[in-house]
C-alpha cells in the first residue's frame, strides 16, 4: 500500500496528485519546479490547469488555501 504522506515526515508524494484538485474551480493540478528526495516532493508549485491559480509546496507540505 502506498501512503500519500509518510507518518513521520508528512512529506507529499506524487500519488496525491491523483486525488487533490484546485480548491477554487476543482480543476486538475499540475506539479511544477519540484524538488524530490526519495520519491517525496519537498518543494514545488501546484498549478491549476483550469484557472491558473498557484499553490506552493514548502517543506513537503502543499498549501491549498485559496488565493486572497
Protein backbone atom coordinates (compact mmCIF):
# COMPACT_ATOMS: atom_id res chain seq x y z
CA UNK A 1 0.00 0.00 0.00
CA UNK A 2 1.30 3.44 -0.92
CA UNK A 3 0.85 6.21 1.65
CA UNK A 4 0.18 9.74 0.46
CA UNK A 5 2.08 11.17 3.42
CA UNK A 6 4.77 9.44 5.42
CA UNK A 7 3.68 9.33 9.06
CA UNK A 8 6.93 10.69 10.49
CA UNK A 9 7.81 13.33 7.90
CA UNK A 10 4.41 14.35 6.47
CA UNK A 11 6.01 14.94 3.04
CA UNK A 12 3.89 14.86 -0.09
CA UNK A 13 4.07 12.08 -2.68
CA UNK A 14 3.06 12.27 -6.36
CA UNK A 15 0.20 9.84 -5.68
CA UNK A 16 -1.61 12.72 -4.00
CA UNK A 17 -1.99 14.46 -7.39
CA UNK A 18 -4.49 11.77 -8.38
CA UNK A 19 -6.97 12.81 -5.67
CA UNK A 20 -6.49 16.54 -4.98
CA UNK A 21 -7.88 19.36 -7.08
CA UNK A 22 -7.95 23.15 -7.15
CA UNK A 23 -9.98 24.38 -4.15
CA UNK A 24 -11.34 27.27 -6.25
CA UNK A 25 -12.57 25.67 -9.50
CA UNK A 26 -11.98 21.92 -8.90
CA UNK A 27 -9.59 21.75 -11.89
CA UNK A 28 -6.65 19.34 -12.12
CA UNK A 29 -3.35 20.40 -10.55
CA UNK A 30 -0.01 20.11 -12.33
CA UNK A 31 3.26 19.89 -10.40
CA UNK A 32 5.98 22.37 -11.46
CA UNK A 33 9.50 23.17 -10.23
CA UNK A 34 9.57 20.14 -7.99
CA UNK A 35 12.40 19.05 -5.72
CA UNK A 36 12.20 15.36 -4.81
CA UNK A 37 14.10 13.29 -2.29
CA UNK A 38 13.50 9.52 -2.22
CA UNK A 39 10.17 9.93 -4.03
CA UNK A 40 8.92 12.61 -1.64
CA UNK A 41 8.10 16.05 -3.01
CA UNK A 42 9.95 18.53 -0.81
CA UNK A 43 9.15 21.74 -2.69
CA UNK A 44 7.45 22.93 -5.83
CA UNK A 45 4.32 24.61 -7.10
CA UNK A 46 0.92 23.11 -7.89
CA UNK A 47 -0.71 24.99 -10.79
CA UNK A 48 -4.38 24.62 -11.70
CA UNK A 49 -4.72 23.71 -15.36
CA UNK A 50 -8.19 25.29 -15.49
CA UNK A 51 -7.98 28.66 -13.66
CA UNK A 52 -4.19 29.10 -13.32
CA UNK A 53 -4.10 29.55 -9.53
CA UNK A 54 -0.80 28.51 -7.93
CA UNK A 55 -0.29 26.64 -4.66
CA UNK A 56 3.20 26.30 -3.16
CA UNK A 57 4.68 23.18 -1.62
CA UNK A 58 7.15 24.04 1.14
CA UNK A 59 8.94 21.56 3.38
CA UNK A 60 6.86 18.78 1.85
CA UNK A 61 3.51 20.37 2.72
CA UNK A 62 1.13 21.63 0.00
CA UNK A 63 -0.62 24.92 0.82
CA UNK A 64 -4.04 24.59 -0.79
CA UNK A 65 -5.58 27.72 0.70
CA UNK A 66 -7.41 29.73 -1.99
CA UNK A 67 -5.59 32.91 -3.06
CA UNK A 68 -6.84 36.15 -1.48
